[in-house]
PDB file of N, CA and C in Angstrom:
ATOM      1  N   MET A   1      13.616  26.731  -4.787  1.00  0.00           N
ATOM      2  CA  MET A   1      13.947  26.237  -6.129  1.00  0.00           C
ATOM      3  C   MET A   1      14.361  27.130  -7.334  1.00  0.00           C
ATOM      4  N   VAL A   2      13.593  28.143  -7.304  1.00  0.00           N
ATOM      5  CA  VAL A   2      14.066  28.588  -9.001  1.00  0.00           C
ATOM      6  C   VAL A   2      15.196  29.390  -8.163  1.00  0.00           C
ATOM      7  N   ASN A   3      15.854  29.619  -7.235  1.00  0.00           N
ATOM      8  CA  ASN A   3      17.046  30.244  -6.722  1.00  0.00           C
ATOM      9  C   ASN A   3      18.074  29.362  -7.415  1.00  0.00           C
ATOM     10  N   THR A   4      17.609  28.044  -7.128  1.00  0.00           N
ATOM     11  CA  THR A   4      19.073  26.683  -6.300  1.00  0.00           C
ATOM     12  C   THR A   4      19.121  26.692  -8.148  1.00  0.00           C
ATOM     13  N   ILE A   5      17.418  26.827  -9.630  1.00  0.00           N
ATOM     14  CA  ILE A   5      18.327  26.973 -10.761  1.00  0.00           C
ATOM     15  C   ILE A   5      18.632  28.060 -11.386  1.00  0.00           C
ATOM     16  N   LEU A   6      18.889  28.865 -10.640  1.00  0.00           N
ATOM     17  CA  LEU A   6      19.449  30.534 -11.545  1.00  0.00           C
ATOM     18  C   LEU A   6      20.415  30.673 -10.999  1.00  0.00           C
ATOM     19  N   LYS A   7      20.963  29.857  -9.587  1.00  0.00           N
ATOM     20  CA  LYS A   7      22.435  29.837 -10.057  1.00  0.00           C
ATOM     21  C   LYS A   7      23.205  28.882 -10.580  1.00  0.00           C
ATOM     22  N   GLU A   8      22.605  27.582 -10.544  1.00  0.00           N
ATOM     23  CA  GLU A   8      23.326  26.079 -11.077  1.00  0.00           C
ATOM     24  C   GLU A   8      23.139  27.389 -13.006  1.00  0.00           C
ATOM     25  N   ALA A   9      22.932  27.760 -13.252  1.00  0.00           N
ATOM     26  CA  ALA A   9      22.381  28.351 -14.831  1.00  0.00           C
ATOM     27  C   ALA A   9      23.949  29.644 -14.443  1.00  0.00           C
ATOM     28  N   ASP A  10      23.544  30.210 -14.021  1.00  0.00           N
ATOM     29  CA  ASP A  10      24.360  31.429 -13.432  1.00  0.00           C
ATOM     30  C   ASP A  10      25.917  31.072 -13.756  1.00  0.00           C
ATOM     31  N   LEU A  11      26.386  29.797 -14.091  1.00  0.00           N
ATOM     32  CA  LEU A  11      27.864  29.376 -13.567  1.00  0.00           C
ATOM     33  C   LEU A  11      27.715  28.784 -14.926  1.00  0.00           C
ATOM     34  N   PHE A  12      27.171  28.701 -15.548  1.00  0.00           N
ATOM     35  CA  PHE A  12      27.466  28.610 -17.167  1.00  0.00           C
ATOM     36  C   PHE A  12      26.962  29.721 -18.035  1.00  0.00           C
ATOM     37  N   CYS A  13      25.592  30.777 -18.003  1.00  0.00           N
ATOM     38  CA  CYS A  13      26.036  31.745 -19.302  1.00  0.00           C
ATOM     39  C   CYS A  13      24.879  33.079 -17.748  1.00  0.00           C
ATOM     40  N   PRO A  14      25.801  33.919 -17.594  1.00  0.00           N
ATOM     41  CA  PRO A  14      25.042  34.408 -15.713  1.00  0.00           C
ATOM     42  C   PRO A  14      24.220  35.441 -16.529  1.00  0.00           C
ATOM     43  N   ASN A  15      24.578  35.921 -18.282  1.00  0.00           N
ATOM     44  CA  ASN A  15      24.645  37.091 -18.962  1.00  0.00           C
ATOM     45  C   ASN A  15      23.214  36.987 -19.390  1.00  0.00           C
ATOM     46  N   SER A  16      23.242  35.941 -20.032  1.00  0.00           N
ATOM     47  CA  SER A  16      21.923  35.476 -20.822  1.00  0.00           C
ATOM     48  C   SER A  16      20.714  34.530 -19.766  1.00  0.00           C
ATOM     49  N   VAL A  17      21.178  34.473 -18.626  1.00  0.00           N
ATOM     50  CA  VAL A  17      20.229  33.264 -17.403  1.00  0.00           C
ATOM     51  C   VAL A  17      19.187  34.944 -17.407  1.00  0.00           C
ATOM     52  N   ARG A  18      20.040  35.943 -16.922  1.00  0.00           N
ATOM     53  CA  ARG A  18      19.592  37.515 -16.329  1.00  0.00           C
ATOM     54  C   ARG A  18      18.502  37.762 -17.210  1.00  0.00           C
ATOM     55  N   ILE A  19      18.889  38.054 -18.638  1.00  0.00           N
ATOM     56  CA  ILE A  19      18.440  38.177 -19.410  1.00  0.00           C
ATOM     57  C   ILE A  19      17.057  38.047 -19.606  1.00  0.00           C
ATOM     58  N   ASN A  20      16.840  36.478 -20.152  1.00  0.00           N
ATOM     59  CA  ASN A  20      15.858  35.102 -19.912  1.00  0.00           C
ATOM     60  C   ASN A  20      14.934  35.717 -18.698  1.00  0.00           C
ATOM     61  N   PHE A  21      15.679  35.468 -17.739  1.00  0.00           N
ATOM     62  CA  PHE A  21      14.578  35.899 -16.012  1.00  0.00           C
ATOM     63  C   PHE A  21      14.322  36.821 -16.034  1.00  0.00           C
ATOM     64  N   THR A  22      14.569  38.599 -16.898  1.00  0.00           N
ATOM     65  CA  THR A  22      13.603  39.773 -16.798  1.00  0.00           C
ATOM     66  C   THR A  22      12.711  39.497 -18.229  1.00  0.00           C
ATOM     67  N   ILE A  23      12.839  39.060 -19.296  1.00  0.00           N
ATOM     68  CA  ILE A  23      11.895  38.488 -19.893  1.00  0.00           C
ATOM     69  C   ILE A  23      11.105  37.502 -19.921  1.00  0.00           C
ATOM     70  N   TYR A  24      11.135  36.794 -18.669  1.00  0.00           N
ATOM     71  CA  TYR A  24      10.281  35.336 -18.088  1.00  0.00           C
ATOM     72  C   TYR A  24       9.654  36.916 -17.680  1.00  0.00           C
ATOM     73  N   HIS A  25       9.618  38.148 -16.805  1.00  0.00           N
ATOM     74  CA  HIS A  25       9.027  37.801 -15.627  1.00  0.00           C
ATOM     75  C   HIS A  25       8.064  38.969 -16.379  1.00  0.00           C
ATOM     76  N   THR A  26       8.527  39.263 -16.922  1.00  0.00           N
ATOM     77  CA  THR A  26       7.746  40.791 -18.274  1.00  0.00           C
ATOM     78  C   THR A  26       6.798  40.148 -18.670  1.00  0.00           C
ATOM     79  N   PHE A  27       6.841  38.672 -19.314  1.00  0.00           N
ATOM     80  CA  PHE A  27       5.434  38.046 -20.149  1.00  0.00           C
ATOM     81  C   PHE A  27       4.539  37.604 -18.627  1.00  0.00           C
ATOM     82  N   SER A  28       5.478  37.303 -17.812  1.00  0.00           N
ATOM     83  CA  SER A  28       4.410  37.013 -17.086  1.00  0.00           C
ATOM     84  C   SER A  28       3.418  38.118 -16.655  1.00  0.00           C
ATOM     85  N   LYS A  29       3.401  39.303 -15.798  1.00  0.00           N
ATOM     86  CA  LYS A  29       3.395  39.916 -15.633  1.00  0.00           C
ATOM     87  C   LYS A  29       2.196  40.401 -16.950  1.00  0.00           C
ATOM     88  N   ASN A  30       3.145  40.970 -17.801  1.00  0.00           N
ATOM     89  CA  ASN A  30       1.776  41.174 -18.896  1.00  0.00           C
ATOM     90  C   ASN A  30       0.300  40.083 -18.901  1.00  0.00           C
ATOM     91  N   ASN A  31       0.525  38.671 -19.068  1.00  0.00           N
ATOM     92  CA  ASN A  31      -0.125  37.182 -18.901  1.00  0.00           C
ATOM     93  C   ASN A  31      -1.285  37.765 -17.535  1.00  0.00           C
ATOM     94  N   HIS A  32      -0.648  38.167 -16.019  1.00  0.00           N
ATOM     95  CA  HIS A  32      -2.235  38.280 -15.546  1.00  0.00           C
ATOM     96  C   HIS A  32      -2.205  39.072 -14.475  1.00  0.00           C
ATOM     97  N   ARG A  33      -3.733  39.621 -16.099  1.00  0.00           N
ATOM     98  CA  ARG A  33      -4.092  40.467 -16.283  1.00  0.00           C
ATOM     99  C   ARG A  33      -5.500  40.688 -15.112  1.00  0.00           C
TER     100      ARG A  33
END
């Protein structure tokens, strides 16, 4: 499901998606203390 969303968004703005995804992962890891 996540891969599908990333692939669809990748067609519009790959760089922004990767940056946002990285930031999202960083915040998620910080919140899972």
